[in-house]
Amino acid sequence: QVQLVESGGGLVQAGGSLRLSCAASGGTFTNYGMGWFRQAPGKDREFVARISSSGVATSYAGSVKGRFTISRDNAKNTVYLQMNSLKPEDTAVYYCAARPGIEWLQWGQGTQVTVSS
């Protein structure tokens, strides 16, 4: 099973940018589709973006489409989330997830993103 460790979170002003990274280890990275989710205080965890194992196919939540970009570097076993034009409502703990099939089976510990107005 792959283990996931996120990094890159922090405090940023509205309109700013952050890039999250998720490093995978202990498995064959190219066997997994990868995704980013987030959970704001008092809310359920929600889907943000996903990318296929090859990196060819991507999908985004409507709330981030056009502002966030998911990518992966299979040589580095890492998936990224470039977040631009950040808004206060993007404040959440961001989680990386991996799936060999349909179900998201592996999760990282999360990284906090705080956007100030």
Protein backbone atom coordinates (compact mmCIF):
# COMPACT_ATOMS: atom_id res chain seq x y z
CA GLN A 1 0.00 0.00 0.00
CA VAL A 2 1.18 3.49 -0.76
CA GLN A 3 1.79 5.99 2.03
CA LEU A 4 1.08 9.68 1.41
CA VAL A 5 2.59 12.80 2.96
CA GLU A 6 1.30 16.27 2.09
CA SER A 7 3.25 19.52 2.36
CA GLY A 8 3.04 23.10 1.20
CA GLY A 9 0.13 24.42 3.21
CA GLY A 10 0.22 27.73 5.02
CA LEU A 11 -1.29 31.17 5.45
CA VAL A 12 -1.85 33.32 2.36
CA GLN A 13 -3.81 36.45 1.57
CA ALA A 14 -6.83 36.35 -0.69
CA GLY A 15 -5.76 36.41 -4.31
CA GLY A 16 -2.51 34.67 -3.55
CA SER A 17 -1.18 31.27 -4.56
CA LEU A 18 0.07 28.10 -2.93
CA ARG A 19 1.33 24.79 -4.29
CA LEU A 20 0.62 21.65 -2.34
CA SER A 21 2.70 18.52 -2.78
CA CYS A 22 1.92 14.94 -1.91
CA ALA A 23 4.80 12.48 -1.82
CA ALA A 24 3.98 8.79 -2.16
CA SER A 25 6.07 5.88 -0.96
CA GLY A 26 5.80 2.16 -0.39
CA GLY A 27 3.88 1.30 -3.51
CA THR A 28 3.87 1.51 -7.28
CA PHE A 29 2.81 5.11 -7.82
CA THR A 30 1.74 4.61 -11.41
CA ASN A 31 -0.86 2.08 -10.29
CA TYR A 32 -2.84 4.81 -8.54
CA GLY A 33 -5.16 7.53 -9.55
CA MET A 34 -4.57 10.48 -7.24
CA GLY A 35 -6.83 13.12 -5.80
CA TRP A 36 -7.09 16.11 -3.52
CA PHE A 37 -9.91 16.65 -1.05
CA ARG A 38 -10.51 19.30 1.59
CA GLN A 39 -12.41 19.71 4.81
CA ALA A 40 -13.36 23.05 6.28
CA PRO A 41 -14.30 23.42 9.96
CA GLY A 42 -17.80 22.11 10.58
CA LYS A 43 -18.17 20.78 7.06
CA ASP A 44 -17.87 17.41 5.36
CA ARG A 45 -14.80 16.45 3.38
CA GLU A 46 -15.27 17.43 -0.26
CA PHE A 47 -13.65 16.52 -3.55
CA VAL A 48 -11.30 19.10 -5.07
CA ALA A 49 -9.48 17.48 -8.00
CA ARG A 50 -8.28 14.14 -9.34
CA ILE A 51 -5.81 12.91 -11.91
CA SER A 52 -5.50 9.56 -13.62
CA SER A 53 -2.56 7.23 -13.10
CA SER A 54 -1.00 8.33 -16.38
CA GLY A 55 -1.69 11.99 -15.74
CA VAL A 56 -3.69 12.35 -18.94
CA ALA A 57 -7.14 12.80 -17.42
CA THR A 58 -8.07 15.38 -14.77
CA SER A 59 -11.28 16.50 -13.13
CA TYR A 60 -12.15 19.41 -10.83
CA ALA A 61 -14.85 20.54 -8.48
CA GLY A 62 -16.79 23.45 -9.92
CA SER A 63 -15.72 25.73 -7.08
CA VAL A 64 -12.02 25.46 -8.02
CA LYS A 65 -12.14 24.95 -11.77
CA GLY A 66 -10.02 27.53 -13.55
CA ARG A 67 -8.13 28.41 -10.36
CA PHE A 68 -6.57 25.09 -9.26
CA THR A 69 -4.44 22.71 -11.31
CA ILE A 70 -3.61 19.12 -10.39
CA SER A 71 -0.53 17.48 -11.85
CA ARG A 72 1.75 14.56 -11.13
CA ASP A 73 5.39 13.65 -11.65
CA ASN A 74 5.56 9.89 -11.82
CA ALA A 75 9.36 9.97 -11.77
CA LYS A 76 9.21 11.68 -8.37
CA ASN A 77 6.16 9.79 -7.04
CA THR A 78 4.54 13.14 -6.31
CA VAL A 79 1.23 14.80 -7.06
CA TYR A 80 0.75 18.55 -6.90
CA LEU A 81 -2.10 20.99 -6.48
CA GLN A 82 -1.36 24.49 -7.76
CA MET A 83 -3.85 26.88 -6.20
CA ASN A 84 -4.21 30.37 -7.64
CA SER A 85 -6.60 33.24 -6.92
CA LEU A 86 -7.25 31.84 -3.48
CA LYS A 87 -10.37 32.88 -1.62
CA PRO A 88 -11.18 32.81 2.10
CA GLU A 89 -13.66 30.01 1.38
CA ASP A 90 -10.74 27.84 0.22
CA THR A 91 -9.60 27.68 3.85
CA ALA A 92 -9.53 24.02 4.87
CA VAL A 93 -7.36 21.04 5.64
CA TYR A 94 -6.31 19.57 2.30
CA TYR A 95 -5.87 15.84 1.95
CA CYS A 96 -4.16 13.77 -0.69
CA ALA A 97 -5.71 10.43 -1.61
CA ALA A 98 -4.85 7.44 -3.78
CA ARG A 99 -6.97 4.81 -5.47
CA PRO A 100 -6.01 1.75 -7.50
CA GLY A 101 -9.56 1.47 -8.78
CA ILE A 102 -12.78 3.29 -7.96
CA GLU A 103 -12.47 3.62 -4.18
CA TRP A 104 -10.14 6.07 -2.45
CA LEU A 105 -8.15 3.72 -0.23
CA GLN A 106 -5.18 5.64 1.04
CA TRP A 107 -5.14 9.09 2.65
CA GLY A 108 -2.49 11.49 3.84
CA GLN A 109 -2.56 13.29 7.17
CA GLY A 110 -3.59 16.62 5.68
CA THR A 111 -2.08 20.07 5.40
CA GLN A 112 -3.74 23.29 6.57
CA VAL A 113 -4.45 26.06 4.09
CA THR A 114 -5.67 29.36 5.51
CA VAL A 115 -6.68 32.25 3.26
CA SER A 116 -7.09 35.61 4.93
CA SER A 117 -9.37 38.31 3.57
